[in-house]
Amino acid sequence: MGNDFARMPVEEAILPIIELLENPPKPSLSAYKQRKEVSLAMKTFDKENAQRLYNKTVQLMKGAKEK
């Protein structure tokens, strides 16, 4: 199921993302696979890693705006 989005048209694959942007989840940190919320209690999710990713993303976006 990992490549489901690779097999569908962009117009269809983008729908779950649009839905989340229009109706953001209540928690400040959440994870989704397609339209299904994924438990953050899983070992694959680490709040410190998520925070580092967020910080790096913000840093990269600030750098892109300056160019």
N, C-alpha and C. Protein backbone atom coordinates (compact mmCIF):
# COMPACT_ATOMS: atom_id res chain seq x y z
N MET A 1 0.81 -1.20 0.00
CA MET A 1 0.00 0.00 0.00
C MET A 1 0.86 1.26 0.00
N GLY A 2 2.18 1.12 0.16
CA GLY A 2 3.04 2.27 0.24
C GLY A 2 3.09 3.12 -1.02
N ASN A 3 2.83 2.53 -2.17
CA ASN A 3 2.89 3.26 -3.43
C ASN A 3 1.52 3.55 -4.01
N ASP A 4 0.49 3.56 -3.20
CA ASP A 4 -0.86 3.82 -3.70
C ASP A 4 -0.94 5.13 -4.46
N PHE A 5 -0.28 6.17 -3.94
CA PHE A 5 -0.35 7.48 -4.57
C PHE A 5 0.38 7.49 -5.91
N ALA A 6 1.39 6.64 -6.06
CA ALA A 6 2.14 6.60 -7.32
C ALA A 6 1.28 6.07 -8.45
N ARG A 7 0.26 5.32 -8.12
CA ARG A 7 -0.59 4.71 -9.14
C ARG A 7 -1.82 5.53 -9.48
N MET A 8 -2.07 6.60 -8.77
CA MET A 8 -3.30 7.36 -9.04
C MET A 8 -2.96 8.73 -9.60
N PRO A 9 -3.90 9.31 -10.33
CA PRO A 9 -3.68 10.65 -10.89
C PRO A 9 -3.49 11.68 -9.77
N VAL A 10 -2.71 12.71 -10.06
CA VAL A 10 -2.44 13.76 -9.08
C VAL A 10 -3.74 14.34 -8.54
N GLU A 11 -4.71 14.55 -9.42
CA GLU A 11 -5.99 15.15 -9.03
C GLU A 11 -6.68 14.32 -7.94
N GLU A 12 -6.47 13.02 -7.96
CA GLU A 12 -7.08 12.14 -6.96
C GLU A 12 -6.20 12.02 -5.72
N ALA A 13 -4.90 11.92 -5.91
CA ALA A 13 -3.98 11.73 -4.79
C ALA A 13 -3.94 12.94 -3.86
N ILE A 14 -4.19 14.12 -4.38
CA ILE A 14 -4.11 15.35 -3.60
C ILE A 14 -5.33 15.57 -2.70
N LEU A 15 -6.42 14.88 -2.95
CA LEU A 15 -7.66 15.11 -2.20
C LEU A 15 -7.51 14.96 -0.68
N PRO A 16 -6.86 13.90 -0.16
CA PRO A 16 -6.72 13.81 1.30
C PRO A 16 -5.93 14.99 1.89
N ILE A 17 -4.95 15.48 1.16
CA ILE A 17 -4.16 16.61 1.64
C ILE A 17 -5.01 17.87 1.69
N ILE A 18 -5.80 18.09 0.65
CA ILE A 18 -6.69 19.25 0.61
C ILE A 18 -7.69 19.20 1.76
N GLU A 19 -8.25 18.01 2.01
CA GLU A 19 -9.21 17.85 3.11
C GLU A 19 -8.57 18.20 4.45
N LEU A 20 -7.32 17.77 4.67
CA LEU A 20 -6.64 18.08 5.93
C LEU A 20 -6.34 19.57 6.04
N LEU A 21 -5.99 20.21 4.94
CA LEU A 21 -5.72 21.65 4.97
C LEU A 21 -6.99 22.44 5.26
N GLU A 22 -8.10 22.00 4.69
CA GLU A 22 -9.37 22.70 4.91
C GLU A 22 -9.96 22.41 6.29
N ASN A 23 -9.68 21.23 6.83
CA ASN A 23 -10.19 20.82 8.14
C ASN A 23 -9.04 20.26 8.97
N PRO A 24 -8.15 21.12 9.47
CA PRO A 24 -6.99 20.62 10.20
C PRO A 24 -7.37 19.87 11.47
N PRO A 25 -6.60 18.85 11.82
CA PRO A 25 -6.88 18.10 13.04
C PRO A 25 -6.65 18.98 14.27
N LYS A 26 -7.32 18.65 15.36
CA LYS A 26 -7.21 19.42 16.60
C LYS A 26 -5.81 19.34 17.23
N PRO A 27 -5.22 18.13 17.33
CA PRO A 27 -3.90 18.06 17.96
C PRO A 27 -2.85 18.82 17.14
N SER A 28 -1.85 19.38 17.84
CA SER A 28 -0.82 20.12 17.13
C SER A 28 0.10 19.20 16.33
N LEU A 29 0.17 17.94 16.71
CA LEU A 29 0.96 16.96 15.98
C LEU A 29 0.07 15.77 15.68
N SER A 30 -0.07 15.45 14.42
CA SER A 30 -0.87 14.29 14.03
C SER A 30 -0.27 13.70 12.77
N ALA A 31 -0.60 12.44 12.51
CA ALA A 31 -0.08 11.75 11.34
C ALA A 31 -1.22 11.04 10.63
N TYR A 32 -1.15 11.07 9.32
CA TYR A 32 -2.18 10.43 8.51
C TYR A 32 -1.54 9.62 7.41
N LYS A 33 -2.18 8.52 7.07
CA LYS A 33 -1.85 7.75 5.88
C LYS A 33 -3.11 7.75 5.06
N GLN A 34 -3.06 8.47 3.97
CA GLN A 34 -4.24 8.77 3.17
C GLN A 34 -5.25 9.47 4.07
N ARG A 35 -6.42 8.93 4.27
CA ARG A 35 -7.42 9.62 5.10
C ARG A 35 -7.51 9.05 6.52
N LYS A 36 -6.67 8.09 6.84
CA LYS A 36 -6.74 7.43 8.15
C LYS A 36 -5.68 7.99 9.09
N GLU A 37 -6.13 8.42 10.28
CA GLU A 37 -5.18 8.92 11.27
C GLU A 37 -4.36 7.76 11.82
N VAL A 38 -3.08 8.00 11.98
CA VAL A 38 -2.15 6.99 12.46
C VAL A 38 -1.78 7.33 13.90
N SER A 39 -1.71 6.32 14.75
CA SER A 39 -1.38 6.53 16.17
C SER A 39 0.06 7.01 16.32
N LEU A 40 0.23 8.07 17.08
CA LEU A 40 1.57 8.59 17.34
C LEU A 40 2.29 7.77 18.41
N ALA A 41 1.59 6.81 19.00
CA ALA A 41 2.21 5.94 20.00
C ALA A 41 3.10 4.87 19.35
N MET A 42 3.01 4.74 18.04
CA MET A 42 3.83 3.76 17.33
C MET A 42 5.31 4.13 17.47
N LYS A 43 6.18 3.12 17.45
CA LYS A 43 7.61 3.36 17.57
C LYS A 43 8.16 4.23 16.44
N THR A 44 7.52 4.18 15.29
CA THR A 44 8.03 4.93 14.14
C THR A 44 7.87 6.44 14.30
N PHE A 45 7.09 6.86 15.29
CA PHE A 45 6.89 8.30 15.52
C PHE A 45 7.64 8.70 16.79
N ASP A 46 8.41 9.73 16.65
CA ASP A 46 9.18 10.24 17.78
C ASP A 46 9.00 11.75 17.79
N LYS A 47 8.50 12.29 18.89
CA LYS A 47 8.20 13.72 18.95
C LYS A 47 9.45 14.57 18.75
N GLU A 48 10.59 14.12 19.25
CA GLU A 48 11.83 14.89 19.08
C GLU A 48 12.24 14.93 17.61
N ASN A 49 12.12 13.80 16.92
CA ASN A 49 12.43 13.78 15.48
C ASN A 49 11.46 14.67 14.71
N ALA A 50 10.20 14.63 15.09
CA ALA A 50 9.20 15.48 14.42
C ALA A 50 9.51 16.95 14.63
N GLN A 51 9.92 17.31 15.84
CA GLN A 51 10.25 18.71 16.12
C GLN A 51 11.48 19.14 15.32
N ARG A 52 12.48 18.26 15.23
CA ARG A 52 13.66 18.58 14.43
C ARG A 52 13.30 18.76 12.97
N LEU A 53 12.44 17.89 12.45
CA LEU A 53 12.00 18.02 11.06
C LEU A 53 11.25 19.33 10.85
N TYR A 54 10.38 19.68 11.78
CA TYR A 54 9.64 20.93 11.69
C TYR A 54 10.60 22.12 11.69
N ASN A 55 11.54 22.13 12.63
CA ASN A 55 12.50 23.23 12.72
C ASN A 55 13.32 23.36 11.44
N LYS A 56 13.76 22.26 10.89
CA LYS A 56 14.55 22.28 9.65
C LYS A 56 13.69 22.77 8.49
N THR A 57 12.44 22.34 8.43
CA THR A 57 11.53 22.78 7.37
C THR A 57 11.32 24.28 7.43
N VAL A 58 11.08 24.80 8.62
CA VAL A 58 10.89 26.25 8.79
C VAL A 58 12.15 26.99 8.36
N GLN A 59 13.31 26.47 8.76
CA GLN A 59 14.58 27.09 8.38
C GLN A 59 14.75 27.11 6.86
N LEU A 60 14.45 26.01 6.21
CA LEU A 60 14.57 25.93 4.75
C LEU A 60 13.59 26.88 4.06
N MET A 61 12.38 26.97 4.59
CA MET A 61 11.38 27.86 4.00
C MET A 61 11.79 29.32 4.14
N LYS A 62 12.36 29.68 5.28
CA LYS A 62 12.84 31.05 5.48
C LYS A 62 13.95 31.36 4.48
N GLY A 63 14.84 30.40 4.27
CA GLY A 63 15.93 30.58 3.31
C GLY A 63 15.41 30.73 1.89
N ALA A 64 14.36 29.99 1.56
CA ALA A 64 13.78 30.07 0.21
C ALA A 64 13.11 31.42 -0.01
N LYS A 65 12.50 31.97 1.02
CA LYS A 65 11.83 33.28 0.90
C LYS A 65 12.85 34.39 0.68
N GLU A 66 14.05 34.24 1.26
CA GLU A 66 15.07 35.27 1.15
C GLU A 66 15.69 35.33 -0.24
N LYS A 67 15.57 34.27 -1.02
CA LYS A 67 16.19 34.23 -2.35
C LYS A 67 15.39 34.93 -3.38
